[in-house]
Amino acid sequence: MDERLIALKDPTLLVVRIEEIWQGIQTPDGPIAGAILVHPSCPPVLFWHLFLHHPTLAASNPSFPLLLLESESLTHQNAWNLHHLLRRSDIPVSALELLTHVEARKVAQEARHHRGLAGDVAPGWETELLQVLASELHRDRRLVWLARVGALPETLNAALPYPIRPTPLPSRSSRDVPLYEDWEPRWQYNARLGQLVMEKGLALPERDQRHAVLTFFASSDGELAPLLALAQVPARRLLTNATVAPVWYKRLGAALNHHLPTSALPRLTDDGNRWVRAVAQKRLADPKWRLFS
């Protein structure tokens, strides 16, 4: 057996020796990293770094209750790392509770929707989900554009604090549509058209305009607008990428989209977010189901 593993079996091993062993491997994978993680003298900074990769194993550390009191190394992780952590379904509830109070609003919000805190969804969860989307996700002027191209579901619009009733667009003169080049992925070209529609007044046929705007929003930052775009855009490459997005609302948008191949749904049925999981399970059970009827 590796002498480092033998040394890590000693509960009295000094912290300085644990840190020396870590410096020699510098990887969160493998049996040595696992032995470091569960050692009762594992220093907090190192413990919470490894926790991001192995939360269930971390909870078996005899000092876990004490390490929760020194959790700054977890709660001060950058938001990107925490979002990736929250994709997992096996986070100890005690650690989840810490994440519901972090300063990063999106991380705290996602922690509150994690399956570890909420368990399984209750009957009638579709209505609750609509309320969550309407009240908790950031809204911006892009919702007006979604309404203009017929992509703002009326069931959601009616749930918004102030339903959107956009005025018709003024008549616009036709502009030359940029040519498509073979080197450019089709979804990127359509996203570029959507940006030109919004910012430069590019005139397109109604169907093409809707598709361009949806593609542009689906590939952009934000919360509610990208979710709604991902729930409707027929761009499979975008949807497949969204199934592994760090933020839950992009994964949810992909799960809602009937253009997402059913072969991609199983990975979402055990998602850390209860809404993503519920939608994926519902779609697998009933391919004709739609949240936005």
Protein backbone atom coordinates (compact mmCIF):
# COMPACT_ATOMS: atom_id res chain seq x y z
CA MET A 1 0.00 0.00 0.00
CA ASP A 2 1.14 3.54 -0.73
CA GLU A 3 2.94 4.91 2.34
CA ARG A 4 0.92 8.13 2.05
CA LEU A 5 -2.33 6.18 2.41
CA ILE A 6 -0.88 4.38 5.41
CA ALA A 7 0.09 7.70 6.99
CA LEU A 8 -3.39 9.15 6.38
CA LYS A 9 -4.94 6.30 8.34
CA ASP A 10 -3.40 7.80 11.47
CA PRO A 11 -6.01 10.14 13.04
CA THR A 12 -3.23 11.99 14.86
CA LEU A 13 -1.33 12.87 11.67
CA LEU A 14 -0.16 16.47 11.80
CA VAL A 15 -1.80 19.07 9.55
CA VAL A 16 1.58 20.01 8.09
CA ARG A 17 2.06 16.42 6.89
CA ILE A 18 -1.44 16.34 5.36
CA GLU A 19 -0.63 19.53 3.46
CA GLU A 20 2.70 18.05 2.28
CA ILE A 21 0.89 15.00 0.91
CA TRP A 22 -1.62 17.27 -0.86
CA GLN A 23 1.16 19.34 -2.42
CA GLY A 24 2.55 16.13 -3.84
CA ILE A 25 -0.66 15.19 -5.69
CA GLN A 26 -2.54 18.46 -6.37
CA THR A 27 -5.54 16.60 -7.78
CA PRO A 28 -8.98 16.07 -6.24
CA ASP A 29 -9.29 12.60 -7.75
CA GLY A 30 -7.94 9.29 -6.53
CA PRO A 31 -7.67 7.45 -3.22
CA ILE A 32 -5.10 9.78 -1.67
CA ALA A 33 -7.31 12.86 -2.14
CA GLY A 34 -10.20 10.86 -0.69
CA ALA A 35 -8.15 9.89 2.35
CA ILE A 36 -7.17 13.53 2.87
CA LEU A 37 -10.80 14.62 2.61
CA VAL A 38 -12.02 12.27 5.34
CA HIS A 39 -9.08 12.80 7.70
CA PRO A 40 -10.31 14.49 10.91
CA SER A 41 -7.38 16.94 10.81
CA CYS A 42 -7.89 18.02 7.19
CA PRO A 43 -7.44 21.82 7.21
CA PRO A 44 -10.68 23.74 6.38
CA VAL A 45 -9.42 25.46 3.23
CA LEU A 46 -8.30 22.17 1.71
CA PHE A 47 -11.40 20.35 2.96
CA TRP A 48 -13.83 22.74 1.26
CA HIS A 49 -11.79 22.70 -1.94
CA LEU A 50 -12.15 18.91 -2.09
CA PHE A 51 -15.78 19.13 -0.98
CA LEU A 52 -16.64 20.74 -4.33
CA HIS A 53 -15.68 17.47 -6.00
CA HIS A 54 -16.83 14.86 -3.47
CA PRO A 55 -19.61 16.26 -1.22
CA THR A 56 -20.95 12.89 -0.07
CA LEU A 57 -17.53 11.58 0.91
CA ALA A 58 -16.78 14.87 2.67
CA ALA A 59 -19.82 14.43 4.92
CA SER A 60 -18.28 11.23 6.29
CA ASN A 61 -15.37 13.16 7.81
CA PRO A 62 -15.67 12.81 11.62
CA SER A 63 -14.95 16.54 11.94
CA PHE A 64 -17.65 17.59 9.45
CA PRO A 65 -19.87 19.30 12.08
CA LEU A 66 -16.88 21.39 13.20
CA LEU A 67 -15.80 22.15 9.66
CA LEU A 68 -19.25 23.59 8.99
CA LEU A 69 -18.35 26.29 11.51
CA GLU A 70 -15.31 27.20 9.41
CA SER A 71 -17.06 27.28 6.06
CA GLU A 72 -15.78 30.59 4.68
CA SER A 73 -13.72 28.68 2.13
CA LEU A 74 -16.97 27.24 0.77
CA THR A 75 -19.25 30.28 0.93
CA HIS A 76 -16.55 32.52 -0.56
CA GLN A 77 -15.94 30.27 -3.56
CA ASN A 78 -16.58 32.01 -6.85
CA ALA A 79 -20.15 31.71 -8.11
CA TRP A 80 -19.12 29.57 -11.09
CA ASN A 81 -17.75 26.81 -8.82
CA LEU A 82 -20.83 26.91 -6.60
CA HIS A 83 -23.22 26.72 -9.55
CA HIS A 84 -21.39 23.63 -10.79
CA LEU A 85 -21.60 22.14 -7.29
CA LEU A 86 -25.34 22.74 -7.18
CA ARG A 87 -25.86 20.62 -10.29
CA ARG A 88 -25.18 17.64 -8.03
CA SER A 89 -27.94 15.88 -6.13
CA ASP A 90 -25.75 14.56 -3.29
CA ILE A 91 -24.89 17.73 -1.35
CA PRO A 92 -25.38 17.38 2.43
CA VAL A 93 -28.35 19.46 3.62
CA SER A 94 -26.21 21.20 6.23
CA ALA A 95 -23.89 22.51 3.51
CA LEU A 96 -26.87 23.52 1.37
CA GLU A 97 -28.20 25.61 4.22
CA LEU A 98 -24.93 27.55 4.20
CA LEU A 99 -25.27 28.23 0.49
CA THR A 100 -28.76 29.69 0.87
CA HIS A 101 -27.14 32.62 2.69
CA VAL A 102 -24.23 33.43 0.39
CA GLU A 103 -23.99 36.93 -1.05
CA ALA A 104 -24.28 35.74 -4.65
CA ARG A 105 -28.05 36.00 -5.20
CA LYS A 106 -28.22 33.42 -7.98
CA VAL A 107 -26.31 30.86 -5.93
CA ALA A 108 -28.53 31.39 -2.89
CA GLN A 109 -31.62 31.11 -5.07
CA GLU A 110 -30.46 27.89 -6.66
CA ALA A 111 -29.57 26.40 -3.28
CA ARG A 112 -33.15 27.04 -2.11
CA HIS A 113 -34.46 25.09 -5.11
CA HIS A 114 -32.08 22.16 -4.61
CA ARG A 115 -33.62 18.73 -4.22
CA GLY A 116 -31.74 18.22 -0.96
CA LEU A 117 -33.76 20.98 0.71
CA ALA A 118 -37.04 20.60 -1.12
CA GLY A 119 -37.24 16.88 -1.78
CA ASP A 120 -39.59 15.78 -4.51
CA VAL A 121 -42.06 18.18 -6.05
CA ALA A 122 -45.65 18.07 -4.84
CA PRO A 123 -48.73 17.46 -7.00
CA GLY A 124 -49.60 20.61 -8.91
CA TRP A 125 -45.94 21.62 -9.08
CA GLU A 126 -46.42 23.12 -12.55
CA THR A 127 -48.38 26.04 -11.08
CA GLU A 128 -45.71 26.62 -8.45
CA LEU A 129 -42.99 26.54 -11.09
CA LEU A 130 -44.79 29.19 -13.16
CA GLN A 131 -44.91 31.41 -10.07
CA VAL A 132 -41.19 30.87 -9.44
CA LEU A 133 -40.37 31.85 -13.02
CA ALA A 134 -42.61 34.91 -12.90
CA SER A 135 -41.48 36.20 -9.51
CA GLU A 136 -37.89 35.09 -8.88
CA LEU A 137 -36.06 35.33 -12.20
CA HIS A 138 -34.70 38.65 -13.42
CA ARG A 139 -36.82 40.28 -16.11
CA ASP A 140 -35.56 42.74 -18.72
CA ARG A 141 -36.71 44.46 -21.89
CA ARG A 142 -36.03 41.35 -23.94
CA LEU A 143 -39.38 40.01 -22.75
CA VAL A 144 -40.99 42.72 -24.88
CA TRP A 145 -39.18 41.35 -27.92
CA LEU A 146 -40.26 37.82 -27.06
CA ALA A 147 -43.84 39.04 -26.91
CA ARG A 148 -43.46 40.79 -30.27
CA VAL A 149 -42.32 37.62 -32.01
CA GLY A 150 -44.97 35.47 -30.29
CA ALA A 151 -42.56 33.70 -27.95
CA LEU A 152 -43.81 34.93 -24.55
CA PRO A 153 -46.21 32.23 -23.30
CA GLU A 154 -49.51 33.74 -22.21
CA THR A 155 -49.68 31.50 -19.14
CA LEU A 156 -46.40 33.00 -17.92
CA ASN A 157 -47.22 36.52 -19.04
CA ALA A 158 -50.43 36.42 -17.01
CA ALA A 159 -48.42 35.43 -13.92
CA LEU A 160 -46.00 38.38 -14.21
CA PRO A 161 -46.53 41.29 -11.79
CA TYR A 162 -47.08 43.51 -14.84
CA PRO A 163 -48.16 41.53 -17.93
CA ILE A 164 -46.45 42.67 -21.11
CA ARG A 165 -48.57 44.13 -23.90
CA PRO A 166 -46.06 45.48 -26.44
CA THR A 167 -46.94 48.14 -28.95
CA PRO A 168 -46.50 47.11 -32.60
CA LEU A 169 -43.12 47.79 -34.13
CA PRO A 170 -42.99 50.78 -36.45
CA SER A 171 -42.63 49.96 -40.12
CA ARG A 172 -39.01 49.41 -41.00
CA SER A 173 -37.25 49.48 -44.30
CA SER A 174 -35.69 46.28 -45.56
CA ARG A 175 -31.99 45.90 -45.06
CA ASP A 176 -29.56 43.56 -46.73
CA VAL A 177 -29.41 40.27 -44.87
CA PRO A 178 -25.79 39.20 -44.19
CA LEU A 179 -24.74 36.19 -46.22
CA TYR A 180 -24.20 32.90 -44.46
CA GLU A 181 -20.62 31.62 -44.58
CA ASP A 182 -19.90 27.89 -44.36
CA TRP A 183 -17.27 28.37 -41.66
CA GLU A 184 -19.81 29.82 -39.21
CA PRO A 185 -22.03 27.50 -37.14
CA ARG A 186 -25.64 28.00 -38.18
CA TRP A 187 -26.79 28.90 -34.67
CA GLN A 188 -24.15 31.63 -34.44
CA TYR A 189 -25.33 33.06 -37.76
CA ASN A 190 -28.94 33.06 -36.56
CA ALA A 191 -27.91 34.69 -33.28
CA ARG A 192 -26.12 37.39 -35.27
CA LEU A 193 -29.30 37.98 -37.27
CA GLY A 194 -31.29 38.27 -34.05
CA GLN A 195 -28.91 40.90 -32.74
CA LEU A 196 -29.26 42.86 -35.99
CA VAL A 197 -33.06 42.62 -35.77
CA MET A 198 -33.00 44.18 -32.33
CA GLU A 199 -30.22 46.70 -32.67
CA LYS A 200 -30.20 47.66 -36.34
CA GLY A 201 -33.79 47.11 -37.41
CA LEU A 202 -33.00 44.23 -39.76
CA ALA A 203 -36.22 43.21 -41.52
CA LEU A 204 -36.84 39.48 -41.82
CA PRO A 205 -39.86 37.32 -42.63
CA GLU A 206 -41.92 36.70 -39.50
CA ARG A 207 -40.84 33.09 -38.99
CA ASP A 208 -37.17 33.87 -39.60
CA GLN A 209 -37.34 36.86 -37.26
CA ARG A 210 -38.75 34.72 -34.45
CA HIS A 211 -36.08 32.08 -34.94
CA ALA A 212 -33.29 34.67 -35.03
CA VAL A 213 -34.46 36.45 -31.87
CA LEU A 214 -34.87 33.16 -29.99
CA THR A 215 -31.37 32.02 -31.00
CA PHE A 216 -29.83 35.34 -29.97
CA PHE A 217 -31.49 35.27 -26.54
CA ALA A 218 -30.80 31.56 -25.99
CA SER A 219 -27.07 32.16 -26.44
CA SER A 220 -26.95 35.25 -24.21
CA ASP A 221 -26.69 35.95 -20.50
CA GLY A 222 -29.63 36.76 -18.25
CA GLU A 223 -32.30 34.70 -16.56
CA LEU A 224 -35.93 34.64 -17.70
CA ALA A 225 -35.38 35.69 -21.33
CA PRO A 226 -32.70 33.03 -22.03
CA LEU A 227 -34.83 30.39 -20.28
CA LEU A 228 -37.86 31.16 -22.46
CA ALA A 229 -35.71 31.24 -25.59
CA LEU A 230 -34.10 27.91 -24.76
CA ALA A 231 -37.54 26.44 -24.09
CA GLN A 232 -38.56 27.16 -27.70
CA VAL A 233 -35.54 27.51 -30.00
CA PRO A 234 -35.07 24.58 -32.42
CA ALA A 235 -31.25 24.70 -32.27
CA ARG A 236 -30.14 21.31 -30.99
CA ARG A 237 -26.51 22.33 -30.51
CA LEU A 238 -27.56 25.15 -28.18
CA LEU A 239 -29.92 22.86 -26.30
CA THR A 240 -27.36 20.11 -25.81
CA ASN A 241 -24.87 22.63 -24.45
CA ALA A 242 -27.52 24.05 -22.12
CA THR A 243 -28.11 20.67 -20.46
CA VAL A 244 -24.72 21.04 -18.77
CA ALA A 245 -24.97 24.77 -18.06
CA PRO A 246 -23.95 25.74 -14.52
CA VAL A 247 -27.13 27.78 -13.92
CA TRP A 248 -30.36 25.89 -13.34
CA TYR A 249 -32.64 28.07 -15.45
CA LYS A 250 -30.70 27.30 -18.64
CA ARG A 251 -30.84 23.57 -17.91
CA LEU A 252 -34.56 24.00 -17.23
CA GLY A 253 -35.08 25.82 -20.53
CA ALA A 254 -33.42 22.95 -22.40
CA ALA A 255 -35.48 20.35 -20.51
CA LEU A 256 -38.70 22.15 -21.47
CA ASN A 257 -37.87 22.23 -25.18
CA HIS A 258 -39.47 19.43 -27.21
CA HIS A 259 -36.65 19.78 -29.76
CA LEU A 260 -34.18 18.42 -27.19
CA PRO A 261 -33.60 14.75 -28.05
CA THR A 262 -35.13 12.45 -25.45
CA SER A 263 -31.72 10.75 -25.26
CA ALA A 264 -30.44 13.90 -23.49
CA LEU A 265 -33.18 13.88 -20.83
CA PRO A 266 -31.92 11.02 -18.58
CA ARG A 267 -28.91 13.08 -17.47
CA LEU A 268 -31.37 15.72 -16.18
CA THR A 269 -33.62 13.33 -14.28
CA ASP A 270 -31.14 13.31 -11.39
CA ASP A 271 -30.29 17.01 -11.59
CA GLY A 272 -29.57 18.81 -8.34
CA ASN A 273 -32.39 21.28 -9.06
CA ARG A 274 -35.84 19.93 -8.31
CA TRP A 275 -37.54 21.82 -11.16
CA VAL A 276 -35.10 20.56 -13.80
CA ARG A 277 -35.49 17.03 -12.49
CA ALA A 278 -39.29 17.20 -12.41
CA VAL A 279 -39.56 18.54 -15.97
CA ALA A 280 -37.15 15.93 -17.35
CA GLN A 281 -39.01 13.10 -15.61
CA LYS A 282 -42.37 14.44 -16.79
CA ARG A 283 -41.22 14.71 -20.40
CA LEU A 284 -39.84 11.18 -20.39
CA ALA A 285 -43.12 9.87 -18.98
CA ASP A 286 -45.29 11.94 -21.33
CA PRO A 287 -43.55 13.27 -24.49
CA LYS A 288 -46.63 15.38 -25.34
CA TRP A 289 -46.56 17.28 -22.05
CA ARG A 290 -45.94 21.03 -22.19
CA LEU A 291 -45.56 23.49 -19.32
CA PHE A 292 -46.57 26.45 -21.48
CA SER A 293 -49.83 25.23 -22.96
